[in-house]
Amino acid sequence: MERDKHLPLTETVYYILLAVVEPAHGYLIMQKVEELSGGQVRMAAGTLYGAIENLVKLNFIQPVASEDSRRKVYAITNKGLEILLLDLERMKHMIAVTTDRLK
């Protein structure tokens, strides 16, 4: 099976997709990315919104309705969830073969 051309995901994109498994607005996404990464990934607003724009174009995330009209809220799409899970499986394989090889 041929690997998807979008894999591997960058660490930042991986955490953004993981952050919007539950709908979130931009500032909350930045907070979740930092939290999920254990403080290893910190994003500036410009970086985040550039990534969001690209992820919307790829149909990995989409804007969703929000009660607060001042904030754009985003959620992962089925396609985004699929690519996130594919990258998870890729990393699990890497960990398994590395662990086995280093024994």
PDB file of N, CA and C in Angstrom:
ATOM      1  N   MET A   1       0.840  -1.188   0.000  1.00  0.00           N
ATOM      2  CA  MET A   1       0.000   0.000   0.000  1.00  0.00           C
ATOM      3  C   MET A   1       0.884   1.250   0.000  1.00  0.00           C
ATOM      4  N   GLU A   2       0.568   2.181  -0.853  1.00  0.00           N
ATOM      5  CA  GLU A   2       1.345   3.400  -0.963  1.00  0.00           C
ATOM      6  C   GLU A   2       0.960   4.378   0.135  1.00  0.00           C
ATOM      7  N   ARG A   3       1.965   5.022   0.707  1.00  0.00           N
ATOM      8  CA  ARG A   3       1.720   5.973   1.793  1.00  0.00           C
ATOM      9  C   ARG A   3       1.090   7.247   1.241  1.00  0.00           C
ATOM     10  N   ASP A   4       0.164   7.819   2.005  1.00  0.00           N
ATOM     11  CA  ASP A   4      -0.492   9.078   1.637  1.00  0.00           C
ATOM     12  C   ASP A   4       0.564  10.166   1.483  1.00  0.00           C
ATOM     13  N   LYS A   5       0.405  11.010   0.486  1.00  0.00           N
ATOM     14  CA  LYS A   5       1.394  12.056   0.213  1.00  0.00           C
ATOM     15  C   LYS A   5       1.489  13.096   1.326  1.00  0.00           C
ATOM     16  N   HIS A   6       0.503  13.150   2.218  1.00  0.00           N
ATOM     17  CA  HIS A   6       0.516  14.125   3.304  1.00  0.00           C
ATOM     18  C   HIS A   6       1.247  13.608   4.547  1.00  0.00           C
ATOM     19  N   LEU A   7       1.708  12.366   4.474  1.00  0.00           N
ATOM     20  CA  LEU A   7       2.413  11.775   5.610  1.00  0.00           C
ATOM     21  C   LEU A   7       3.910  11.799   5.371  1.00  0.00           C
ATOM     22  N   PRO A   8       4.704  11.932   6.382  1.00  0.00           N
ATOM     23  CA  PRO A   8       4.314  12.126   7.765  1.00  0.00           C
ATOM     24  C   PRO A   8       3.825  13.554   8.002  1.00  0.00           C
ATOM     25  N   LEU A   9       2.922  13.695   8.955  1.00  0.00           N
ATOM     26  CA  LEU A   9       2.469  15.020   9.360  1.00  0.00           C
ATOM     27  C   LEU A   9       3.591  15.695  10.137  1.00  0.00           C
ATOM     28  N   THR A  10       3.653  17.013  10.050  1.00  0.00           N
ATOM     29  CA  THR A  10       4.585  17.716  10.929  1.00  0.00           C
ATOM     30  C   THR A  10       4.048  17.607  12.349  1.00  0.00           C
ATOM     31  N   GLU A  11       4.913  17.787  13.300  1.00  0.00           N
ATOM     32  CA  GLU A  11       4.499  17.723  14.699  1.00  0.00           C
ATOM     33  C   GLU A  11       3.411  18.767  14.984  1.00  0.00           C
ATOM     34  N   THR A  12       3.571  19.953  14.441  1.00  0.00           N
ATOM     35  CA  THR A  12       2.592  21.019  14.655  1.00  0.00           C
ATOM     36  C   THR A  12       1.236  20.636  14.084  1.00  0.00           C
ATOM     37  N   VAL A  13       1.197  20.154  12.856  1.00  0.00           N
ATOM     38  CA  VAL A  13      -0.067  19.761  12.231  1.00  0.00           C
ATOM     39  C   VAL A  13      -0.708  18.612  13.000  1.00  0.00           C
ATOM     40  N   TYR A  14       0.101  17.655  13.415  1.00  0.00           N
ATOM     41  CA  TYR A  14      -0.422  16.526  14.195  1.00  0.00           C
ATOM     42  C   TYR A  14      -1.152  17.036  15.441  1.00  0.00           C
ATOM     43  N   TYR A  15      -0.509  17.930  16.170  1.00  0.00           N
ATOM     44  CA  TYR A  15      -1.125  18.443  17.394  1.00  0.00           C
ATOM     45  C   TYR A  15      -2.333  19.338  17.124  1.00  0.00           C
ATOM     46  N   ILE A  16      -2.319  20.074  16.026  1.00  0.00           N
ATOM     47  CA  ILE A  16      -3.498  20.881  15.682  1.00  0.00           C
ATOM     48  C   ILE A  16      -4.685  19.961  15.413  1.00  0.00           C
ATOM     49  N   LEU A  17      -4.468  18.925  14.610  1.00  0.00           N
ATOM     50  CA  LEU A  17      -5.558  17.987  14.324  1.00  0.00           C
ATOM     51  C   LEU A  17      -6.054  17.328  15.606  1.00  0.00           C
ATOM     52  N   LEU A  18      -5.146  16.948  16.469  1.00  0.00           N
ATOM     53  CA  LEU A  18      -5.528  16.345  17.739  1.00  0.00           C
ATOM     54  C   LEU A  18      -6.299  17.343  18.605  1.00  0.00           C
ATOM     55  N   ALA A  19      -5.913  18.603  18.550  1.00  0.00           N
ATOM     56  CA  ALA A  19      -6.573  19.640  19.347  1.00  0.00           C
ATOM     57  C   ALA A  19      -8.009  19.891  18.908  1.00  0.00           C
ATOM     58  N   VAL A  20      -8.299  19.703  17.626  1.00  0.00           N
ATOM     59  CA  VAL A  20      -9.651  20.002  17.138  1.00  0.00           C
ATOM     60  C   VAL A  20     -10.516  18.750  16.988  1.00  0.00           C
ATOM     61  N   VAL A  21     -10.119  17.658  17.646  1.00  0.00           N
ATOM     62  CA  VAL A  21     -11.011  16.501  17.721  1.00  0.00           C
ATOM     63  C   VAL A  21     -12.303  16.971  18.396  1.00  0.00           C
ATOM     64  N   GLU A  22     -12.153  17.888  19.350  1.00  0.00           N
ATOM     65  CA  GLU A  22     -13.292  18.616  19.908  1.00  0.00           C
ATOM     66  C   GLU A  22     -13.190  20.030  19.360  1.00  0.00           C
ATOM     67  N   PRO A  23     -14.291  20.607  18.845  1.00  0.00           N
ATOM     68  CA  PRO A  23     -14.232  21.944  18.242  1.00  0.00           C
ATOM     69  C   PRO A  23     -13.558  22.972  19.156  1.00  0.00           C
ATOM     70  N   ALA A  24     -12.752  23.838  18.543  1.00  0.00           N
ATOM     71  CA  ALA A  24     -12.018  24.841  19.311  1.00  0.00           C
ATOM     72  C   ALA A  24     -11.737  26.067  18.446  1.00  0.00           C
ATOM     73  N   HIS A  25     -11.631  27.217  19.093  1.00  0.00           N
ATOM     74  CA  HIS A  25     -11.246  28.452  18.402  1.00  0.00           C
ATOM     75  C   HIS A  25      -9.730  28.594  18.459  1.00  0.00           C
ATOM     76  N   GLY A  26      -9.203  29.548  17.717  1.00  0.00           N
ATOM     77  CA  GLY A  26      -7.764  29.691  17.541  1.00  0.00           C
ATOM     78  C   GLY A  26      -6.951  29.726  18.817  1.00  0.00           C
ATOM     79  N   TYR A  27      -7.316  30.590  19.758  1.00  0.00           N
ATOM     80  CA  TYR A  27      -6.528  30.705  20.984  1.00  0.00           C
ATOM     81  C   TYR A  27      -6.559  29.396  21.772  1.00  0.00           C
ATOM     82  N   LEU A  28      -7.717  28.752  21.815  1.00  0.00           N
ATOM     83  CA  LEU A  28      -7.837  27.477  22.511  1.00  0.00           C
ATOM     84  C   LEU A  28      -6.996  26.401  21.822  1.00  0.00           C
ATOM     85  N   ILE A  29      -6.943  26.438  20.498  1.00  0.00           N
ATOM     86  CA  ILE A  29      -6.105  25.490  19.759  1.00  0.00           C
ATOM     87  C   ILE A  29      -4.647  25.667  20.164  1.00  0.00           C
ATOM     88  N   MET A  30      -4.186  26.917  20.233  1.00  0.00           N
ATOM     89  CA  MET A  30      -2.801  27.173  20.641  1.00  0.00           C
ATOM     90  C   MET A  30      -2.544  26.628  22.045  1.00  0.00           C
ATOM     91  N   GLN A  31      -3.472  26.825  22.954  1.00  0.00           N
ATOM     92  CA  GLN A  31      -3.322  26.315  24.318  1.00  0.00           C
ATOM     93  C   GLN A  31      -3.291  24.789  24.341  1.00  0.00           C
ATOM     94  N   LYS A  32      -4.200  24.169  23.585  1.00  0.00           N
ATOM     95  CA  LYS A  32      -4.260  22.707  23.554  1.00  0.00           C
ATOM     96  C   LYS A  32      -2.996  22.118  22.950  1.00  0.00           C
ATOM     97  N   VAL A  33      -2.478  22.721  21.888  1.00  0.00           N
ATOM     98  CA  VAL A  33      -1.255  22.230  21.251  1.00  0.00           C
ATOM     99  C   VAL A  33      -0.107  22.246  22.264  1.00  0.00           C
ATOM    100  N   GLU A  34       0.012  23.334  22.989  1.00  0.00           N
ATOM    101  CA  GLU A  34       1.078  23.430  23.987  1.00  0.00           C
ATOM    102  C   GLU A  34       0.881  22.382  25.092  1.00  0.00           C
ATOM    103  N   GLU A  35      -0.351  22.231  25.540  1.00  0.00           N
ATOM    104  CA  GLU A  35      -0.651  21.251  26.587  1.00  0.00           C
ATOM    105  C   GLU A  35      -0.410  19.816  26.113  1.00  0.00           C
ATOM    106  N   LEU A  36      -0.954  19.477  24.942  1.00  0.00           N
ATOM    107  CA  LEU A  36      -0.813  18.114  24.424  1.00  0.00           C
ATOM    108  C   LEU A  36       0.645  17.745  24.155  1.00  0.00           C
ATOM    109  N   SER A  37       1.442  18.725  23.773  1.00  0.00           N
ATOM    110  CA  SER A  37       2.844  18.467  23.459  1.00  0.00           C
ATOM    111  C   SER A  37       3.735  18.553  24.690  1.00  0.00           C
ATOM    112  N   GLY A  38       3.152  18.749  25.839  1.00  0.00           N
ATOM    113  CA  GLY A  38       3.951  18.879  27.054  1.00  0.00           C
ATOM    114  C   GLY A  38       4.835  20.109  27.034  1.00  0.00           C
ATOM    115  N   GLY A  39       4.368  21.165  26.347  1.00  0.00           N
ATOM    116  CA  GLY A  39       5.122  22.407  26.252  1.00  0.00           C
ATOM    117  C   GLY A  39       6.197  22.403  25.184  1.00  0.00           C
ATOM    118  N   GLN A  40       6.300  21.316  24.423  1.00  0.00           N
ATOM    119  CA  GLN A  40       7.337  21.204  23.394  1.00  0.00           C
ATOM    120  C   GLN A  40       7.013  21.992  22.129  1.00  0.00           C
ATOM    121  N   VAL A  41       5.716  22.199  21.869  1.00  0.00           N
ATOM    122  CA  VAL A  41       5.304  22.940  20.667  1.00  0.00           C
ATOM    123  C   VAL A  41       4.518  24.168  21.108  1.00  0.00           C
ATOM    124  N   ARG A  42       5.076  25.328  20.790  1.00  0.00           N
ATOM    125  CA  ARG A  42       4.405  26.597  21.072  1.00  0.00           C
ATOM    126  C   ARG A  42       4.262  27.328  19.748  1.00  0.00           C
ATOM    127  N   MET A  43       3.084  27.873  19.533  1.00  0.00           N
ATOM    128  CA  MET A  43       2.813  28.490  18.235  1.00  0.00           C
ATOM    129  C   MET A  43       2.452  29.949  18.386  1.00  0.00           C
ATOM    130  N   ALA A  44       2.919  30.751  17.462  1.00  0.00           N
ATOM    131  CA  ALA A  44       2.474  32.136  17.366  1.00  0.00           C
ATOM    132  C   ALA A  44       1.171  32.145  16.579  1.00  0.00           C
ATOM    133  N   ALA A  45       0.388  33.186  16.769  1.00  0.00           N
ATOM    134  CA  ALA A  45      -0.908  33.284  16.096  1.00  0.00           C
ATOM    135  C   ALA A  45      -0.765  33.206  14.578  1.00  0.00           C
ATOM    136  N   GLY A  46       0.228  33.869  14.020  1.00  0.00           N
ATOM    137  CA  GLY A  46       0.414  33.854  12.573  1.00  0.00           C
ATOM    138  C   GLY A  46       0.696  32.457  12.040  1.00  0.00           C
ATOM    139  N   THR A  47       1.491  31.699  12.769  1.00  0.00           N
ATOM    140  CA  THR A  47       1.791  30.320  12.394  1.00  0.00           C
ATOM    141  C   THR A  47       0.530  29.475  12.433  1.00  0.00           C
ATOM    142  N   LEU A  48      -0.238  29.643  13.504  1.00  0.00           N
ATOM    143  CA  LEU A  48      -1.473  28.875  13.656  1.00  0.00           C
ATOM    144  C   LEU A  48      -2.436  29.169  12.526  1.00  0.00           C
ATOM    145  N   TYR A  49      -2.682  30.447  12.246  1.00  0.00           N
ATOM    146  CA  TYR A  49      -3.692  30.765  11.244  1.00  0.00           C
ATOM    147  C   TYR A  49      -3.250  30.390   9.833  1.00  0.00           C
ATOM    148  N   GLY A  50      -1.951  30.408   9.566  1.00  0.00           N
ATOM    149  CA  GLY A  50      -1.455  29.895   8.290  1.00  0.00           C
ATOM    150  C   GLY A  50      -1.701  28.399   8.174  1.00  0.00           C
ATOM    151  N   ALA A  51      -1.451  27.682   9.260  1.00  0.00           N
ATOM    152  CA  ALA A  51      -1.687  26.237   9.280  1.00  0.00           C
ATOM    153  C   ALA A  51      -3.170  25.929   9.151  1.00  0.00           C
ATOM    154  N   ILE A  52      -4.005  26.680   9.860  1.00  0.00           N
ATOM    155  CA  ILE A  52      -5.453  26.479   9.776  1.00  0.00           C
ATOM    156  C   ILE A  52      -5.933  26.669   8.347  1.00  0.00           C
ATOM    157  N   GLU A  53      -5.474  27.728   7.699  1.00  0.00           N
ATOM    158  CA  GLU A  53      -5.869  27.988   6.311  1.00  0.00           C
ATOM    159  C   GLU A  53      -5.502  26.805   5.414  1.00  0.00           C
ATOM    160  N   ASN A  54      -4.307  26.287   5.582  1.00  0.00           N
ATOM    161  CA  ASN A  54      -3.856  25.147   4.785  1.00  0.00           C
ATOM    162  C   ASN A  54      -4.674  23.896   5.102  1.00  0.00           C
ATOM    163  N   LEU A  55      -4.951  23.645   6.363  1.00  0.00           N
ATOM    164  CA  LEU A  55      -5.714  22.459   6.758  1.00  0.00           C
ATOM    165  C   LEU A  55      -7.158  22.523   6.274  1.00  0.00           C
ATOM    166  N   VAL A  56      -7.727  23.717   6.211  1.00  0.00           N
ATOM    167  CA  VAL A  56      -9.080  23.877   5.651  1.00  0.00           C
ATOM    168  C   VAL A  56      -9.049  23.561   4.154  1.00  0.00           C
ATOM    169  N   LYS A  57      -8.032  24.067   3.441  1.00  0.00           N
ATOM    170  CA  LYS A  57      -7.904  23.778   2.009  1.00  0.00           C
ATOM    171  C   LYS A  57      -7.767  22.285   1.741  1.00  0.00           C
ATOM    172  N   LEU A  58      -7.060  21.587   2.621  1.00  0.00           N
ATOM    173  CA  LEU A  58      -6.884  20.140   2.477  1.00  0.00           C
ATOM    174  C   LEU A  58      -8.113  19.351   2.933  1.00  0.00           C
ATOM    175  N   ASN A  59      -9.084  20.038   3.503  1.00  0.00           N
ATOM    176  CA  ASN A  59     -10.295  19.423   4.053  1.00  0.00           C
ATOM    177  C   ASN A  59      -9.988  18.501   5.244  1.00  0.00           C
ATOM    178  N   PHE A  60      -8.964  18.855   6.018  1.00  0.00           N
ATOM    179  CA  PHE A  60      -8.638  18.115   7.233  1.00  0.00           C
ATOM    180  C   PHE A  60      -9.385  18.698   8.433  1.00  0.00           C
ATOM    181  N   ILE A  61      -9.682  19.996   8.368  1.00  0.00           N
ATOM    182  CA  ILE A  61     -10.506  20.651   9.381  1.00  0.00           C
ATOM    183  C   ILE A  61     -11.517  21.533   8.665  1.00  0.00           C
ATOM    184  N   GLN A  62     -12.543  21.948   9.403  1.00  0.00           N
ATOM    185  CA  GLN A  62     -13.549  22.832   8.820  1.00  0.00           C
ATOM    186  C   GLN A  62     -14.082  23.771   9.888  1.00  0.00           C
ATOM    187  N   PRO A  63     -14.503  24.966   9.456  1.00  0.00           N
ATOM    188  CA  PRO A  63     -15.159  25.857  10.417  1.00  0.00           C
ATOM    189  C   PRO A  63     -16.509  25.266  10.812  1.00  0.00           C
ATOM    190  N   VAL A  64     -16.893  25.465  12.044  1.00  0.00           N
ATOM    191  CA  VAL A  64     -18.189  24.987  12.527  1.00  0.00           C
ATOM    192  C   VAL A  64     -18.919  26.141  13.193  1.00  0.00           C
ATOM    193  N   ALA A  65     -20.227  25.991  13.310  1.00  0.00           N
ATOM    194  CA  ALA A  65     -21.049  27.038  13.922  1.00  0.00           C
ATOM    195  C   ALA A  65     -20.627  27.272  15.361  1.00  0.00           C
ATOM    196  N   SER A  66     -20.705  28.532  15.761  1.00  0.00           N
ATOM    197  CA  SER A  66     -20.331  28.908  17.116  1.00  0.00           C
ATOM    198  C   SER A  66     -21.317  29.931  17.654  1.00  0.00           C
ATOM    199  N   GLU A  67     -21.535  29.910  18.943  1.00  0.00           N
ATOM    200  CA  GLU A  67     -22.414  30.897  19.575  1.00  0.00           C
ATOM    201  C   GLU A  67     -21.751  32.261  19.632  1.00  0.00           C
ATOM    202  N   ASP A  68     -20.429  32.293  19.610  1.00  0.00           N
ATOM    203  CA  ASP A  68     -19.674  33.541  19.664  1.00  0.00           C
ATOM    204  C   ASP A  68     -19.266  33.931  18.247  1.00  0.00           C
ATOM    205  N   SER A  69     -19.940  34.923  17.690  1.00  0.00           N
ATOM    206  CA  SER A  69     -19.685  35.309  16.298  1.00  0.00           C
ATOM    207  C   SER A  69     -18.319  35.968  16.118  1.00  0.00           C
ATOM    208  N   ARG A  70     -17.642  36.332  17.209  1.00  0.00           N
ATOM    209  CA  ARG A  70     -16.322  36.964  17.109  1.00  0.00           C
ATOM    210  C   ARG A  70     -15.206  35.949  16.930  1.00  0.00           C
ATOM    211  N   ARG A  71     -15.499  34.685  17.185  1.00  0.00           N
ATOM    212  CA  ARG A  71     -14.459  33.653  17.115  1.00  0.00           C
ATOM    213  C   ARG A  71     -14.819  32.602  16.076  1.00  0.00           C
ATOM    214  N   LYS A  72     -13.833  32.229  15.274  1.00  0.00           N
ATOM    215  CA  LYS A  72     -14.022  31.125  14.339  1.00  0.00           C
ATOM    216  C   LYS A  72     -13.650  29.838  15.070  1.00  0.00           C
ATOM    217  N   VAL A  73     -14.534  28.874  14.989  1.00  0.00           N
ATOM    218  CA  VAL A  73     -14.323  27.592  15.647  1.00  0.00           C
ATOM    219  C   VAL A  73     -14.096  26.548  14.555  1.00  0.00           C
ATOM    220  N   TYR A  74     -13.142  25.646  14.809  1.00  0.00           N
ATOM    221  CA  TYR A  74     -12.787  24.625  13.838  1.00  0.00           C
ATOM    222  C   TYR A  74     -12.913  23.242  14.454  1.00  0.00           C
ATOM    223  N   ALA A  75     -13.219  22.263  13.600  1.00  0.00           N
ATOM    224  CA  ALA A  75     -13.303  20.868  14.031  1.00  0.00           C
ATOM    225  C   ALA A  75     -12.663  19.995  12.965  1.00  0.00           C
ATOM    226  N   ILE A  76     -12.165  18.858  13.391  1.00  0.00           N
ATOM    227  CA  ILE A  76     -11.551  17.911  12.464  1.00  0.00           C
ATOM    228  C   ILE A  76     -12.636  17.301  11.571  1.00  0.00           C
ATOM    229  N   THR A  77     -12.305  17.031  10.333  1.00  0.00           N
ATOM    230  CA  THR A  77     -13.222  16.367   9.403  1.00  0.00           C
ATOM    231  C   THR A  77     -12.937  14.866   9.420  1.00  0.00           C
ATOM    232  N   ASN A  78     -13.769  14.101   8.742  1.00  0.00           N
ATOM    233  CA  ASN A  78     -13.503  12.666   8.619  1.00  0.00           C
ATOM    234  C   ASN A  78     -12.168  12.417   7.930  1.00  0.00           C
ATOM    235  N   LYS A  79     -11.872  13.206   6.899  1.00  0.00           N
ATOM    236  CA  LYS A  79     -10.599  13.072   6.188  1.00  0.00           C
ATOM    237  C   LYS A  79      -9.435  13.407   7.122  1.00  0.00           C
ATOM    238  N   GLY A  80      -9.597  14.435   7.940  1.00  0.00           N
ATOM    239  CA  GLY A  80      -8.557  14.810   8.895  1.00  0.00           C
ATOM    240  C   GLY A  80      -8.336  13.728   9.934  1.00  0.00           C
ATOM    241  N   LEU A  81      -9.427  13.140  10.416  1.00  0.00           N
ATOM    242  CA  LEU A  81      -9.319  12.066  11.399  1.00  0.00           C
ATOM    243  C   LEU A  81      -8.624  10.848  10.781  1.00  0.00           C
ATOM    244  N   GLU A  82      -8.941  10.571   9.533  1.00  0.00           N
ATOM    245  CA  GLU A  82      -8.311   9.437   8.837  1.00  0.00           C
ATOM    246  C   GLU A  82      -6.800   9.644   8.720  1.00  0.00           C
ATOM    247  N   ILE A  83      -6.379  10.840   8.342  1.00  0.00           N
ATOM    248  CA  ILE A  83      -4.945  11.098   8.176  1.00  0.00           C
ATOM    249  C   ILE A  83      -4.240  11.091   9.537  1.00  0.00           C
ATOM    250  N   LEU A  84      -4.911  11.576  10.569  1.00  0.00           N
ATOM    251  CA  LEU A  84      -4.344  11.546  11.919  1.00  0.00           C
ATOM    252  C   LEU A  84      -4.127  10.108  12.375  1.00  0.00           C
ATOM    253  N   LEU A  85      -5.107   9.251  12.131  1.00  0.00           N
ATOM    254  CA  LEU A  85      -4.995   7.847  12.522  1.00  0.00           C
ATOM    255  C   LEU A  85      -3.931   7.112  11.696  1.00  0.00           C
ATOM    256  N   LEU A  86      -3.807   7.463  10.418  1.00  0.00           N
ATOM    257  CA  LEU A  86      -2.756   6.858   9.588  1.00  0.00           C
ATOM    258  C   LEU A  86      -1.367   7.223  10.113  1.00  0.00           C
ATOM    259  N   ASP A  87      -1.217   8.480  10.537  1.00  0.00           N
ATOM    260  CA  ASP A  87       0.083   8.884  11.064  1.00  0.00           C
ATOM    261  C   ASP A  87       0.343   8.228  12.417  1.00  0.00           C
ATOM    262  N   LEU A  88      -0.680   8.044  13.209  1.00  0.00           N
ATOM    263  CA  LEU A  88      -0.540   7.326  14.474  1.00  0.00           C
ATOM    264  C   LEU A  88      -0.046   5.904  14.217  1.00  0.00           C
ATOM    265  N   GLU A  89      -0.643   5.218  13.257  1.00  0.00           N
ATOM    266  CA  GLU A  89      -0.221   3.853  12.929  1.00  0.00           C
ATOM    267  C   GLU A  89       1.215   3.824  12.412  1.00  0.00           C
ATOM    268  N   ARG A  90       1.591   4.813  11.623  1.00  0.00           N
ATOM    269  CA  ARG A  90       2.960   4.918  11.115  1.00  0.00           C
ATOM    270  C   ARG A  90       3.937   5.034  12.286  1.00  0.00           C
ATOM    271  N   MET A  91       3.603   5.885  13.247  1.00  0.00           N
ATOM    272  CA  MET A  91       4.493   6.075  14.400  1.00  0.00           C
ATOM    273  C   MET A  91       4.524   4.838  15.297  1.00  0.00           C
ATOM    274  N   LYS A  92       3.391   4.157  15.465  1.00  0.00           N
ATOM    275  CA  LYS A  92       3.367   2.919  16.258  1.00  0.00           C
ATOM    276  C   LYS A  92       4.298   1.880  15.641  1.00  0.00           C
ATOM    277  N   HIS A  93       4.259   1.779  14.316  1.00  0.00           N
ATOM    278  CA  HIS A  93       5.135   0.836  13.623  1.00  0.00           C
ATOM    279  C   HIS A  93       6.598   1.198  13.866  1.00  0.00           C
ATOM    280  N   MET A  94       6.927   2.469  13.749  1.00  0.00           N
ATOM    281  CA  MET A  94       8.299   2.914  13.966  1.00  0.00           C
ATOM    282  C   MET A  94       8.764   2.577  15.384  1.00  0.00           C
ATOM    283  N   ILE A  95       7.896   2.800  16.358  1.00  0.00           N
ATOM    284  CA  ILE A  95       8.243   2.507  17.749  1.00  0.00           C
ATOM    285  C   ILE A  95       8.446   1.004  17.938  1.00  0.00           C
ATOM    286  N   ALA A  96       7.560   0.204  17.363  1.00  0.00           N
ATOM    287  CA  ALA A  96       7.651  -1.248  17.514  1.00  0.00           C
ATOM    288  C   ALA A  96       8.938  -1.799  16.909  1.00  0.00           C
ATOM    289  N   VAL A  97       9.268  -1.385  15.690  1.00  0.00           N
ATOM    290  CA  VAL A  97      10.473  -1.934  15.054  1.00  0.00           C
ATOM    291  C   VAL A  97      11.732  -1.409  15.730  1.00  0.00           C
ATOM    292  N   THR A  98      11.693  -0.189  16.218  1.00  0.00           N
ATOM    293  CA  THR A  98      12.844   0.373  16.915  1.00  0.00           C
ATOM    294  C   THR A  98      13.056  -0.359  18.247  1.00  0.00           C
ATOM    295  N   THR A  99      11.975  -0.559  18.986  1.00  0.00           N
ATOM    296  CA  THR A  99      12.061  -1.260  20.257  1.00  0.00           C
ATOM    297  C   THR A  99      12.597  -2.675  20.050  1.00  0.00           C
ATOM    298  N   ASP A 100      12.078  -3.351  19.047  1.00  0.00           N
ATOM    299  CA  ASP A 100      12.531  -4.708  18.755  1.00  0.00           C
ATOM    300  C   ASP A 100      14.003  -4.719  18.348  1.00  0.00           C
ATOM    301  N   ARG A 101      14.389  -3.801  17.528  1.00  0.00           N
ATOM    302  CA  ARG A 101      15.761  -3.760  16.999  1.00  0.00           C
ATOM    303  C   ARG A 101      16.781  -3.436  18.076  1.00  0.00           C
ATOM    304  N   LEU A 102      16.388  -2.612  19.043  1.00  0.00           N
ATOM    305  CA  LEU A 102      17.332  -2.188  20.077  1.00  0.00           C
ATOM    306  C   LEU A 102      17.386  -3.117  21.287  1.00  0.00           C
ATOM    307  N   LYS A 103      16.637  -4.194  21.245  1.00  0.00           N
ATOM    308  CA  LYS A 103      16.660  -5.155  22.364  1.00  0.00           C
ATOM    309  C   LYS A 103      17.934  -5.933  22.372  1.00  0.00           C
TER     310      LYS A 103
END
